[in-house]
Protein backbone atom coordinates (compact mmCIF):
# COMPACT_ATOMS: atom_id res chain seq x y z
CA UNK A 1 -8.85 8.87 -16.60
CA UNK A 2 -5.60 7.14 -15.39
CA UNK A 3 -5.57 7.10 -19.51
CA UNK A 4 -4.47 10.39 -19.90
CA UNK A 5 -2.27 10.80 -16.67
CA UNK A 6 -0.16 8.04 -18.06
CA UNK A 7 2.71 6.95 -17.62
CA UNK A 8 3.32 7.82 -14.15
CA UNK A 9 4.75 7.16 -11.12
CA UNK A 10 2.88 5.91 -7.83
CA UNK A 11 3.40 6.93 -4.40
CA UNK A 12 2.25 6.38 -1.30
CA UNK A 13 2.13 7.81 2.13
CA UNK A 14 0.81 6.10 5.20
CA UNK A 15 -0.28 8.05 8.12
CA UNK A 16 -2.46 8.00 11.27
CA UNK A 17 -4.45 5.43 9.90
CA UNK A 18 -4.75 6.31 6.22
CA UNK A 19 -2.63 5.09 3.15
CA UNK A 20 -2.66 8.12 0.28
CA UNK A 21 -1.99 7.04 -2.94
CA UNK A 22 -0.33 10.12 -5.00
CA UNK A 23 -0.02 10.15 -9.04
CA UNK A 24 3.57 11.83 -9.65
CA UNK A 25 3.77 13.31 -13.36
CA UNK A 26 6.18 15.83 -14.16
CA UNK A 27 7.21 15.90 -10.33
CA UNK A 28 4.11 16.82 -9.55
CA UNK A 29 2.41 14.39 -6.93
CA UNK A 30 -1.32 14.62 -7.26
CA UNK A 31 -3.59 12.80 -4.79
CA UNK A 32 -5.70 10.02 -6.50
CA UNK A 33 -7.61 8.87 -3.18
CA UNK A 34 -6.99 8.36 0.44
CA UNK A 35 -8.16 5.13 2.40
CA UNK A 36 -8.79 4.51 6.03
CA UNK A 37 -5.70 1.66 7.13
CA UNK A 38 -7.25 -1.78 8.76
CA UNK A 39 -6.98 -5.70 8.28
CA UNK A 40 -4.18 -7.68 7.59
CA UNK A 41 -1.02 -7.12 5.47
CA UNK A 42 1.05 -10.10 3.61
CA UNK A 43 4.80 -8.65 1.73
CA UNK A 44 7.32 -10.50 -0.33
CA UNK A 45 9.81 -8.60 -1.53
CA UNK A 46 8.41 -6.63 -4.39
CA UNK A 47 5.08 -6.24 -2.60
CA UNK A 48 2.85 -5.76 0.46
CA UNK A 49 -1.28 -6.89 -0.53
CA UNK A 50 -3.79 -5.71 2.91
CA UNK A 51 -6.97 -7.58 3.17
CA UNK A 52 -9.67 -6.04 5.16
CA UNK A 53 -10.08 -8.92 7.31
CA UNK A 54 -8.00 -12.73 7.56
CA UNK A 55 -10.20 -14.28 5.68
CA UNK A 56 -11.34 -12.28 2.81
CA UNK A 57 -10.13 -13.46 -0.49
CA UNK A 58 -9.95 -10.09 -2.41
CA UNK A 59 -6.92 -7.64 -1.37
CA UNK A 60 -7.91 -4.11 -0.40
CA UNK A 61 -4.97 -2.53 -1.50
CA UNK A 62 -1.95 -3.76 -3.41
CA UNK A 63 1.46 -1.82 -2.84
CA UNK A 64 4.42 -2.35 -5.53
CA UNK A 65 8.04 -1.46 -4.14
CA UNK A 66 11.78 -2.60 -4.08
CA UNK A 67 12.10 -1.97 -0.27
CA UNK A 68 9.28 -4.20 1.81
CA UNK A 69 10.74 -3.71 5.23
CA UNK A 70 10.21 -0.25 5.29
CA UNK A 71 6.74 -0.99 4.42
CA UNK A 72 6.60 -3.31 6.75
CA UNK A 73 7.67 -1.08 9.88
CA UNK A 74 5.40 1.45 8.91
CA UNK A 75 2.58 -0.82 8.90
CA UNK A 76 2.50 -2.87 11.91
CA UNK A 77 2.79 1.09 13.44
CA UNK A 78 -0.45 1.09 12.09
CA UNK A 79 -1.62 -1.61 14.28
CA UNK A 80 -1.94 -3.89 11.36
CA UNK A 81 -0.96 -7.14 11.35
CA UNK A 82 1.72 -8.14 8.81
CA UNK A 83 3.57 -11.26 7.52
CA UNK A 84 5.99 -11.97 5.45
CA UNK A 85 4.38 -14.52 2.57
CA UNK A 86 7.46 -17.62 4.29
CA UNK A 87 5.51 -17.13 7.50
CA UNK A 88 2.14 -17.89 6.56
């Protein structure tokens, strides 16, 4: 299914404790999935990784981005403990 949609741009929206993931092709976003946010997040300059629990080894969600500050602010608003890799 994803191969038929490629190439596409990913777009995320974080609101009200949920993250929505859209695939954008020909300037039309198509909802791919919605997940309830909870857990902890770790950020670097280019990615945010959300884990279900602080003891989890496998990430729940990986978000690739260019500007980590915006994503970090939104996660903190959603009550997700968010730290930079250098702070660990």
